[in-house]
Each structure stands twice: as C-alpha cells, then as structure tokens.
mmCIF file of all heavy atoms, coordinates in Angstrom:
data_MODEL
# 
_entry.id   MODEL 
# 
loop_
_atom_site.group_PDB 
_atom_site.id 
_atom_site.type_symbol 
_atom_site.label_atom_id 
_atom_site.label_alt_id 
_atom_site.label_comp_id 
_atom_site.label_asym_id 
_atom_site.label_entity_id 
_atom_site.label_seq_id 
_atom_site.pdbx_PDB_ins_code 
_atom_site.Cartn_x 
_atom_site.Cartn_y 
_atom_site.Cartn_z 
_atom_site.occupancy 
_atom_site.B_iso_or_equiv 
_atom_site.pdbx_formal_charge 
_atom_site.auth_seq_id 
_atom_site.auth_comp_id 
_atom_site.auth_asym_id 
_atom_site.auth_atom_id 
_atom_site.pdbx_PDB_model_num 
ATOM 1   N N   . MET A 1 1  ? 0.831   -1.227 -0.021  1.00 0.00 ? 1  MET A N   1 
ATOM 2   C CA  . MET A 1 1  ? 0.045   0.049  -0.009  1.00 0.00 ? 1  MET A CA  1 
ATOM 3   C C   . MET A 1 1  ? 0.855   1.246  -0.007  1.00 0.00 ? 1  MET A C   1 
ATOM 4   O O   . MET A 1 1  ? 0.457   2.221  -0.604  1.00 0.00 ? 1  MET A O   1 
ATOM 5   C CB  . MET A 1 1  ? -0.956  -0.076 1.202   1.00 0.00 ? 1  MET A CB  1 
ATOM 6   C CG  . MET A 1 1  ? -1.966  1.141  1.186   1.00 0.00 ? 1  MET A CG  1 
ATOM 7   S SD  . MET A 1 1  ? -2.841  1.285  -0.341  1.00 0.00 ? 1  MET A SD  1 
ATOM 8   C CE  . MET A 1 1  ? -3.678  -0.225 -0.463  1.00 0.00 ? 1  MET A CE  1 
ATOM 9   N N   . ASN A 1 2  ? 2.032   1.222  0.684   1.00 0.00 ? 2  ASN A N   1 
ATOM 10  C CA  . ASN A 1 2  ? 2.857   2.345  0.621   1.00 0.00 ? 2  ASN A CA  1 
ATOM 11  C C   . ASN A 1 2  ? 3.343   2.599  -0.891  1.00 0.00 ? 2  ASN A C   1 
ATOM 12  O O   . ASN A 1 2  ? 3.380   3.847  -1.295  1.00 0.00 ? 2  ASN A O   1 
ATOM 13  C CB  . ASN A 1 2  ? 4.191   2.149  1.427   1.00 0.00 ? 2  ASN A CB  1 
ATOM 14  C CG  . ASN A 1 2  ? 3.907   2.216  2.905   1.00 0.00 ? 2  ASN A CG  1 
ATOM 15  O OD1 . ASN A 1 2  ? 2.965   2.901  3.293   1.00 0.00 ? 2  ASN A OD1 1 
ATOM 16  N ND2 . ASN A 1 2  ? 4.661   1.617  3.832   1.00 0.00 ? 2  ASN A ND2 1 
ATOM 17  N N   . GLN A 1 3  ? 3.623   1.559  -1.539  1.00 0.00 ? 3  GLN A N   1 
ATOM 18  C CA  . GLN A 1 3  ? 3.936   1.710  -3.012  1.00 0.00 ? 3  GLN A CA  1 
ATOM 19  C C   . GLN A 1 3  ? 2.626   2.154  -3.743  1.00 0.00 ? 3  GLN A C   1 
ATOM 20  O O   . GLN A 1 3  ? 2.738   3.035  -4.660  1.00 0.00 ? 3  GLN A O   1 
ATOM 21  C CB  . GLN A 1 3  ? 4.449   0.401  -3.538  1.00 0.00 ? 3  GLN A CB  1 
ATOM 22  C CG  . GLN A 1 3  ? 5.761   0.006  -3.052  1.00 0.00 ? 3  GLN A CG  1 
ATOM 23  C CD  . GLN A 1 3  ? 6.273   -1.343 -3.762  1.00 0.00 ? 3  GLN A CD  1 
ATOM 24  O OE1 . GLN A 1 3  ? 5.581   -2.327 -3.544  1.00 0.00 ? 3  GLN A OE1 1 
ATOM 25  N NE2 . GLN A 1 3  ? 7.300   -1.252 -4.466  1.00 0.00 ? 3  GLN A NE2 1 
ATOM 26  N N   . GLN A 1 4  ? 1.471   1.569  -3.478  1.00 0.00 ? 4  GLN A N   1 
ATOM 27  C CA  . GLN A 1 4  ? 0.258   2.051  -4.254  1.00 0.00 ? 4  GLN A CA  1 
ATOM 28  C C   . GLN A 1 4  ? -0.021  3.416  -4.091  1.00 0.00 ? 4  GLN A C   1 
ATOM 29  O O   . GLN A 1 4  ? -0.475  4.082  -4.930  1.00 0.00 ? 4  GLN A O   1 
ATOM 30  C CB  . GLN A 1 4  ? -0.925  1.003  -3.716  1.00 0.00 ? 4  GLN A CB  1 
ATOM 31  C CG  . GLN A 1 4  ? -2.194  1.307  -4.521  1.00 0.00 ? 4  GLN A CG  1 
ATOM 32  C CD  . GLN A 1 4  ? -2.078  0.867  -5.956  1.00 0.00 ? 4  GLN A CD  1 
ATOM 33  O OE1 . GLN A 1 4  ? -2.044  -0.344 -6.322  1.00 0.00 ? 4  GLN A OE1 1 
ATOM 34  N NE2 . GLN A 1 4  ? -2.018  1.834  -6.939  1.00 0.00 ? 4  GLN A NE2 1 
ATOM 35  N N   . TYR A 1 5  ? 0.134   3.911  -2.812  1.00 0.00 ? 5  TYR A N   1 
ATOM 36  C CA  . TYR A 1 5  ? -0.143  5.349  -2.593  1.00 0.00 ? 5  TYR A CA  1 
ATOM 37  C C   . TYR A 1 5  ? 0.800   6.158  -3.420  1.00 0.00 ? 5  TYR A C   1 
ATOM 38  O O   . TYR A 1 5  ? 0.237   7.182  -4.058  1.00 0.00 ? 5  TYR A O   1 
ATOM 39  C CB  . TYR A 1 5  ? 0.048   5.615  -1.015  1.00 0.00 ? 5  TYR A CB  1 
ATOM 40  C CG  . TYR A 1 5  ? -0.123  7.091  -0.707  1.00 0.00 ? 5  TYR A CG  1 
ATOM 41  C CD1 . TYR A 1 5  ? -1.450  7.683  -0.620  1.00 0.00 ? 5  TYR A CD1 1 
ATOM 42  C CD2 . TYR A 1 5  ? 1.000   7.870  -0.553  1.00 0.00 ? 5  TYR A CD2 1 
ATOM 43  C CE1 . TYR A 1 5  ? -1.581  8.997  -0.236  1.00 0.00 ? 5  TYR A CE1 1 
ATOM 44  C CE2 . TYR A 1 5  ? 0.782   9.301  -0.169  1.00 0.00 ? 5  TYR A CE2 1 
ATOM 45  C CZ  . TYR A 1 5  ? -0.442  9.759  -0.078  1.00 0.00 ? 5  TYR A CZ  1 
ATOM 46  O OH  . TYR A 1 5  ? -0.605  11.130 0.173   1.00 0.00 ? 5  TYR A OH  1 
ATOM 47  N N   . SER A 1 6  ? 1.901   5.873  -3.374  1.00 0.00 ? 6  SER A N   1 
ATOM 48  C CA  . SER A 1 6  ? 2.994   6.783  -4.245  1.00 0.00 ? 6  SER A CA  1 
ATOM 49  C C   . SER A 1 6  ? 2.669   6.629  -5.685  1.00 0.00 ? 6  SER A C   1 
ATOM 50  O O   . SER A 1 6  ? 2.748   7.675  -6.416  1.00 0.00 ? 6  SER A O   1 
ATOM 51  C CB  . SER A 1 6  ? 4.366   6.265  -3.953  1.00 0.00 ? 6  SER A CB  1 
ATOM 52  O OG  . SER A 1 6  ? 4.683   6.546  -2.591  1.00 0.00 ? 6  SER A OG  1 
ATOM 53  N N   . SER A 1 7  ? 2.291   5.429  -6.152  1.00 0.00 ? 7  SER A N   1 
ATOM 54  C CA  . SER A 1 7  ? 1.967   5.222  -7.539  1.00 0.00 ? 7  SER A CA  1 
ATOM 55  C C   . SER A 1 7  ? 0.756   6.003  -8.004  1.00 0.00 ? 7  SER A C   1 
ATOM 56  O O   . SER A 1 7  ? 0.717   6.666  -8.983  1.00 0.00 ? 7  SER A O   1 
ATOM 57  C CB  . SER A 1 7  ? 1.773   3.722  -7.871  1.00 0.00 ? 7  SER A CB  1 
ATOM 58  O OG  . SER A 1 7  ? 1.471   3.589  -9.237  1.00 0.00 ? 7  SER A OG  1 
ATOM 59  N N   . THR A 1 8  ? -0.299  5.901  -7.165  1.00 0.00 ? 8  THR A N   1 
ATOM 60  C CA  . THR A 1 8  ? -1.589  6.576  -7.521  1.00 0.00 ? 8  THR A CA  1 
ATOM 61  C C   . THR A 1 8  ? -1.387  8.059  -7.467  1.00 0.00 ? 8  THR A C   1 
ATOM 62  O O   . THR A 1 8  ? -1.974  8.887  -8.200  1.00 0.00 ? 8  THR A O   1 
ATOM 63  C CB  . THR A 1 8  ? -2.701  6.074  -6.653  1.00 0.00 ? 8  THR A CB  1 
ATOM 64  O OG1 . THR A 1 8  ? -2.833  4.718  -6.685  1.00 0.00 ? 8  THR A OG1 1 
ATOM 65  C CG2 . THR A 1 8  ? -4.043  6.799  -6.941  1.00 0.00 ? 8  THR A CG2 1 
ATOM 66  N N   . GLN A 1 9  ? -0.597  8.701  -6.426  1.00 0.00 ? 9  GLN A N   1 
ATOM 67  C CA  . GLN A 1 9  ? -0.369  9.998  -6.347  1.00 0.00 ? 9  GLN A CA  1 
ATOM 68  C C   . GLN A 1 9  ? 0.190   10.656 -7.585  1.00 0.00 ? 9  GLN A C   1 
ATOM 69  O O   . GLN A 1 9  ? -0.020  11.860 -7.878  1.00 0.00 ? 9  GLN A O   1 
ATOM 70  C CB  . GLN A 1 9  ? 0.555   10.269 -5.212  1.00 0.00 ? 9  GLN A CB  1 
ATOM 71  C CG  . GLN A 1 9  ? -0.042  10.273 -3.820  1.00 0.00 ? 9  GLN A CG  1 
ATOM 72  C CD  . GLN A 1 9  ? -0.899  11.542 -3.451  1.00 0.00 ? 9  GLN A CD  1 
ATOM 73  O OE1 . GLN A 1 9  ? -1.236  12.333 -4.386  1.00 0.00 ? 9  GLN A OE1 1 
ATOM 74  N NE2 . GLN A 1 9  ? -1.390  11.619 -2.373  1.00 0.00 ? 9  GLN A NE2 1 
ATOM 75  N N   . LEU A 1 10 ? 0.979   9.770  -8.349  1.00 0.00 ? 10 LEU A N   1 
ATOM 76  C CA  . LEU A 1 10 ? 1.483   10.316 -9.616  1.00 0.00 ? 10 LEU A CA  1 
ATOM 77  C C   . LEU A 1 10 ? 0.529   10.803 -10.599 1.00 0.00 ? 10 LEU A C   1 
ATOM 78  O O   . LEU A 1 10 ? 0.751   11.707 -11.376 1.00 0.00 ? 10 LEU A O   1 
ATOM 79  C CB  . LEU A 1 10 ? 2.445   9.277  -10.246 1.00 0.00 ? 10 LEU A CB  1 
ATOM 80  C CG  . LEU A 1 10 ? 3.790   8.952  -9.528  1.00 0.00 ? 10 LEU A CG  1 
ATOM 81  C CD1 . LEU A 1 10 ? 4.452   7.730  -10.221 1.00 0.00 ? 10 LEU A CD1 1 
ATOM 82  C CD2 . LEU A 1 10 ? 4.716   10.068 -9.601  1.00 0.00 ? 10 LEU A CD2 1 
ATOM 83  N N   . VAL A 1 11 ? -0.578  10.182 -10.744 1.00 0.00 ? 11 VAL A N   1 
ATOM 84  C CA  . VAL A 1 11 ? -1.733  10.536 -11.671 1.00 0.00 ? 11 VAL A CA  1 
ATOM 85  C C   . VAL A 1 11 ? -2.789  11.372 -10.935 1.00 0.00 ? 11 VAL A C   1 
ATOM 86  O O   . VAL A 1 11 ? -3.596  11.995 -11.614 1.00 0.00 ? 11 VAL A O   1 
ATOM 87  C CB  . VAL A 1 11 ? -2.293  9.310  -12.339 1.00 0.00 ? 11 VAL A CB  1 
ATOM 88  C CG1 . VAL A 1 11 ? -1.244  8.524  -13.127 1.00 0.00 ? 11 VAL A CG1 1 
ATOM 89  C CG2 . VAL A 1 11 ? -2.981  8.339  -11.378 1.00 0.00 ? 11 VAL A CG2 1 
ATOM 90  N N   . LEU A 1 12 ? -2.770  11.424 -9.634  1.00 0.00 ? 12 LEU A N   1 
ATOM 91  C CA  . LEU A 1 12 ? -3.765  12.199 -8.892  1.00 0.00 ? 12 LEU A CA  1 
ATOM 92  C C   . LEU A 1 12 ? -3.521  13.628 -8.971  1.00 0.00 ? 12 LEU A C   1 
ATOM 93  O O   . LEU A 1 12 ? -4.443  14.513 -9.011  1.00 0.00 ? 12 LEU A O   1 
ATOM 94  C CB  . LEU A 1 12 ? -3.826  11.676 -7.463  1.00 0.00 ? 12 LEU A CB  1 
ATOM 95  C CG  . LEU A 1 12 ? -4.816  12.342 -6.460  1.00 0.00 ? 12 LEU A CG  1 
ATOM 96  C CD1 . LEU A 1 12 ? -6.262  12.096 -6.853  1.00 0.00 ? 12 LEU A CD1 1 
ATOM 97  C CD2 . LEU A 1 12 ? -4.660  11.840 -5.047  1.00 0.00 ? 12 LEU A CD2 1 
ATOM 98  N N   . LYS A 1 13 ? -2.269  14.068 -9.005  1.00 0.00 ? 13 LYS A N   1 
ATOM 99  C CA  . LYS A 1 13 ? -1.725  15.435 -8.857  1.00 0.00 ? 13 LYS A CA  1 
ATOM 100 C C   . LYS A 1 13 ? -2.478  16.254 -9.968  1.00 0.00 ? 13 LYS A C   1 
ATOM 101 O O   . LYS A 1 13 ? -2.564  15.897 -11.086 1.00 0.00 ? 13 LYS A O   1 
ATOM 102 C CB  . LYS A 1 13 ? -0.205  15.524 -9.051  1.00 0.00 ? 13 LYS A CB  1 
ATOM 103 C CG  . LYS A 1 13 ? 0.537   15.011 -7.839  1.00 0.00 ? 13 LYS A CG  1 
ATOM 104 C CD  . LYS A 1 13 ? 1.997   15.207 -8.067  1.00 0.00 ? 13 LYS A CD  1 
ATOM 105 C CE  . LYS A 1 13 ? 2.605   14.442 -9.286  1.00 0.00 ? 13 LYS A CE  1 
ATOM 106 N NZ  . LYS A 1 13 ? 4.021   14.553 -9.389  1.00 0.00 ? 13 LYS A NZ  1 
ATOM 107 N N   . GLY A 1 14 ? -2.984  17.440 -9.582  1.00 0.00 ? 14 GLY A N   1 
ATOM 108 C CA  . GLY A 1 14 ? -3.548  18.473 -10.528 1.00 0.00 ? 14 GLY A CA  1 
ATOM 109 C C   . GLY A 1 14 ? -5.089  18.114 -10.768 1.00 0.00 ? 14 GLY A C   1 
ATOM 110 O O   . GLY A 1 14 ? -5.585  18.854 -11.643 1.00 0.00 ? 14 GLY A O   1 
ATOM 111 N N   . THR A 1 15 ? -5.648  17.165 -10.099 1.00 0.00 ? 15 THR A N   1 
ATOM 112 C CA  . THR A 1 15 ? -7.051  16.803 -10.408 1.00 0.00 ? 15 THR A CA  1 
ATOM 113 C C   . THR A 1 15 ? -7.870  16.715 -9.053  1.00 0.00 ? 15 THR A C   1 
ATOM 114 O O   . THR A 1 15 ? -7.260  16.323 -8.071  1.00 0.00 ? 15 THR A O   1 
ATOM 115 C CB  . THR A 1 15 ? -7.241  15.579 -11.117 1.00 0.00 ? 15 THR A CB  1 
ATOM 116 O OG1 . THR A 1 15 ? -6.581  14.508 -10.390 1.00 0.00 ? 15 THR A OG1 1 
ATOM 117 C CG2 . THR A 1 15 ? -6.695  15.638 -12.545 1.00 0.00 ? 15 THR A CG2 1 
ATOM 118 N N   . LYS A 1 16 ? -9.099  17.191 -8.995  1.00 0.00 ? 16 LYS A N   1 
ATOM 119 C CA  . LYS A 1 16 ? -9.861  17.070 -7.847  1.00 0.00 ? 16 LYS A CA  1 
ATOM 120 C C   . LYS A 1 16 ? -10.668 15.868 -7.863  1.00 0.00 ? 16 LYS A C   1 
ATOM 121 O O   . LYS A 1 16 ? -11.984 15.839 -8.035  1.00 0.00 ? 16 LYS A O   1 
ATOM 122 C CB  . LYS A 1 16 ? -10.808 18.358 -7.717  1.00 0.00 ? 16 LYS A CB  1 
ATOM 123 C CG  . LYS A 1 16 ? -9.958  19.634 -7.614  1.00 0.00 ? 16 LYS A CG  1 
ATOM 124 C CD  . LYS A 1 16 ? -10.828 20.802 -7.438  1.00 0.00 ? 16 LYS A CD  1 
ATOM 125 C CE  . LYS A 1 16 ? -9.939  22.110 -7.296  1.00 0.00 ? 16 LYS A CE  1 
ATOM 126 N NZ  . LYS A 1 16 ? -10.891 23.275 -7.193  1.00 0.00 ? 16 LYS A NZ  1 
ATOM 127 N N   . VAL A 1 17 ? -10.094 14.717 -7.629  1.00 0.00 ? 17 VAL A N   1 
ATOM 128 C CA  . VAL A 1 17 ? -10.757 13.312 -7.669  1.00 0.00 ? 17 VAL A CA  1 
ATOM 129 C C   . VAL A 1 17 ? -11.651 13.201 -6.412  1.00 0.00 ? 17 VAL A C   1 
ATOM 130 O O   . VAL A 1 17 ? -11.176 13.404 -5.344  1.00 0.00 ? 17 VAL A O   1 
ATOM 131 C CB  . VAL A 1 17 ? -9.673  12.289 -7.721  1.00 0.00 ? 17 VAL A CB  1 
ATOM 132 C CG1 . VAL A 1 17 ? -10.319 10.906 -7.469  1.00 0.00 ? 17 VAL A CG1 1 
ATOM 133 C CG2 . VAL A 1 17 ? -8.900  12.279 -9.079  1.00 0.00 ? 17 VAL A CG2 1 
ATOM 134 N N   . LYS A 1 18 ? -12.774 12.740 -6.709  1.00 0.00 ? 18 LYS A N   1 
ATOM 135 C CA  . LYS A 1 18 ? -13.777 12.537 -5.627  1.00 0.00 ? 18 LYS A CA  1 
ATOM 136 C C   . LYS A 1 18 ? -13.938 11.095 -5.170  1.00 0.00 ? 18 LYS A C   1 
ATOM 137 O O   . LYS A 1 18 ? -14.226 10.789 -4.044  1.00 0.00 ? 18 LYS A O   1 
ATOM 138 C CB  . LYS A 1 18 ? -15.244 12.992 -6.154  1.00 0.00 ? 18 LYS A CB  1 
ATOM 139 C CG  . LYS A 1 18 ? -15.224 14.413 -6.624  1.00 0.00 ? 18 LYS A CG  1 
ATOM 140 C CD  . LYS A 1 18 ? -15.206 15.512 -5.493  1.00 0.00 ? 18 LYS A CD  1 
ATOM 141 C CE  . LYS A 1 18 ? -15.240 16.830 -6.043  1.00 0.00 ? 18 LYS A CE  1 
ATOM 142 N NZ  . LYS A 1 18 ? -15.176 17.881 -4.951  1.00 0.00 ? 18 LYS A NZ  1 
ATOM 143 N N   . ARG A 1 19 ? -13.556 10.153 -6.182  1.00 0.00 ? 19 ARG A N   1 
ATOM 144 C CA  . ARG A 1 19 ? -13.713 8.835  -5.899  1.00 0.00 ? 19 ARG A CA  1 
ATOM 145 C C   . ARG A 1 19 ? -12.669 7.950  -6.520  1.00 0.00 ? 19 ARG A C   1 
ATOM 146 O O   . ARG A 1 19 ? -12.087 8.353  -7.521  1.00 0.00 ? 19 ARG A O   1 
ATOM 147 C CB  . ARG A 1 19 ? -15.002 8.176  -6.511  1.00 0.00 ? 19 ARG A CB  1 
ATOM 148 C CG  . ARG A 1 19 ? -16.294 8.771  -5.744  1.00 0.00 ? 19 ARG A CG  1 
ATOM 149 C CD  . ARG A 1 19 ? -17.489 8.322  -6.544  1.00 0.00 ? 19 ARG A CD  1 
ATOM 150 N NE  . ARG A 1 19 ? -18.840 8.708  -5.866  1.00 0.00 ? 19 ARG A NE  1 
ATOM 151 C CZ  . ARG A 1 19 ? -19.995 8.613  -6.380  1.00 0.00 ? 19 ARG A CZ  1 
ATOM 152 N NH1 . ARG A 1 19 ? -20.064 7.981  -7.590  1.00 0.00 ? 19 ARG A NH1 1 
ATOM 153 N NH2 . ARG A 1 19 ? -21.002 8.977  -5.771  1.00 0.00 ? 19 ARG A NH2 1 
ATOM 154 N N   . ILE A 1 20 ? -12.153 6.790  -5.738  1.00 0.00 ? 20 ILE A N   1 
ATOM 155 C CA  . ILE A 1 20 ? -11.400 5.848  -6.338  1.00 0.00 ? 20 ILE A CA  1 
ATOM 156 C C   . ILE A 1 20 ? -12.046 4.542  -6.405  1.00 0.00 ? 20 ILE A C   1 
ATOM 157 O O   . ILE A 1 20 ? -12.615 4.043  -5.376  1.00 0.00 ? 20 ILE A O   1 
ATOM 158 C CB  . ILE A 1 20 ? -10.047 5.697  -5.591  1.00 0.00 ? 20 ILE A CB  1 
ATOM 159 C CG1 . ILE A 1 20 ? -9.212  6.974  -5.621  1.00 0.00 ? 20 ILE A CG1 1 
ATOM 160 C CG2 . ILE A 1 20 ? -9.199  4.591  -6.012  1.00 0.00 ? 20 ILE A CG2 1 
ATOM 161 C CD1 . ILE A 1 20 ? -7.911  6.885  -4.790  1.00 0.00 ? 20 ILE A CD1 1 
ATOM 162 N N   . PHE A 1 21 ? -12.125 3.967  -7.590  1.00 0.00 ? 21 PHE A N   1 
ATOM 163 C CA  . PHE A 1 21 ? -12.735 2.724  -7.841  1.00 0.00 ? 21 PHE A CA  1 
ATOM 164 C C   . PHE A 1 21 ? -11.604 1.590  -7.992  1.00 0.00 ? 21 PHE A C   1 
ATOM 165 O O   . PHE A 1 21 ? -10.643 1.927  -8.767  1.00 0.00 ? 21 PHE A O   1 
ATOM 166 C CB  . PHE A 1 21 ? -13.601 2.657  -9.074  1.00 0.00 ? 21 PHE A CB  1 
ATOM 167 C CG  . PHE A 1 21 ? -14.776 3.645  -8.989  1.00 0.00 ? 21 PHE A CG  1 
ATOM 168 C CD1 . PHE A 1 21 ? -14.770 4.768  -9.834  1.00 0.00 ? 21 PHE A CD1 1 
ATOM 169 C CD2 . PHE A 1 21 ? -15.835 3.501  -8.137  1.00 0.00 ? 21 PHE A CD2 1 
ATOM 170 C CE1 . PHE A 1 21 ? -15.806 5.746  -9.822  1.00 0.00 ? 21 PHE A CE1 1 
ATOM 171 C CE2 . PHE A 1 21 ? -16.832 4.385  -8.095  1.00 0.00 ? 21 PHE A CE2 1 
ATOM 172 C CZ  . PHE A 1 21 ? -16.826 5.542  -8.854  1.00 0.00 ? 21 PHE A CZ  1 
ATOM 173 N N   . VAL A 1 22 ? -11.795 0.446  -7.439  1.00 0.00 ? 22 VAL A N   1 
ATOM 174 C CA  . VAL A 1 22 ? -10.797 -0.600 -7.578  1.00 0.00 ? 22 VAL A CA  1 
ATOM 175 C C   . VAL A 1 22 ? -11.509 -1.852 -8.155  1.00 0.00 ? 22 VAL A C   1 
ATOM 176 O O   . VAL A 1 22 ? -12.510 -2.364 -7.587  1.00 0.00 ? 22 VAL A O   1 
ATOM 177 C CB  . VAL A 1 22 ? -10.224 -1.003 -6.245  1.00 0.00 ? 22 VAL A CB  1 
ATOM 178 C CG1 . VAL A 1 22 ? -9.111  -2.124 -6.391  1.00 0.00 ? 22 VAL A CG1 1 
ATOM 179 C CG2 . VAL A 1 22 ? -9.519  0.210  -5.445  1.00 0.00 ? 22 VAL A CG2 1 
ATOM 180 N N   . ASP A 1 23 ? -10.984 -2.260 -9.340  1.00 0.00 ? 23 ASP A N   1 
ATOM 181 C CA  . ASP A 1 23 ? -11.617 -3.595 -9.820  1.00 0.00 ? 23 ASP A CA  1 
ATOM 182 C C   . ASP A 1 23 ? -10.483 -4.647 -9.948  1.00 0.00 ? 23 ASP A C   1 
ATOM 183 O O   . ASP A 1 23 ? -9.318  -4.287 -9.868  1.00 0.00 ? 23 ASP A O   1 
ATOM 184 C CB  . ASP A 1 23 ? -12.394 -3.379 -11.025 1.00 0.00 ? 23 ASP A CB  1 
ATOM 185 C CG  . ASP A 1 23 ? -11.387 -3.001 -12.299 1.00 0.00 ? 23 ASP A CG  1 
ATOM 186 O OD1 . ASP A 1 23 ? -10.287 -3.120 -12.155 1.00 0.00 ? 23 ASP A OD1 1 
ATOM 187 O OD2 . ASP A 1 23 ? -12.014 -2.733 -13.373 1.00 0.00 ? 23 ASP A OD2 1 
ATOM 188 N N   . GLY A 1 24 ? -10.880 -5.827 -10.157 1.00 0.00 ? 24 GLY A N   1 
ATOM 189 C CA  . GLY A 1 24 ? -9.781  -6.938 -10.202 1.00 0.00 ? 24 GLY A CA  1 
ATOM 190 C C   . GLY A 1 24 ? -9.562  -7.639 -8.855  1.00 0.00 ? 24 GLY A C   1 
ATOM 191 O O   . GLY A 1 24 ? -10.233 -7.420 -7.936  1.00 0.00 ? 24 GLY A O   1 
# 
C-alpha cells in the first residue's frame, strides 16, 4: 500500500478526484 499510494499520487496530482474505484 505504501507503493500503491505513491503510484496513484503520480496521476492524482492536479485533479480534484472525488472517488477511487478498484476492480480486479
């Protein structure tokens, strides 16, 4: 999860995301 947080933050920056969906 520490890695997942850093990875997701790379594409989160600059956007006002309201939801995260996880599939698979």
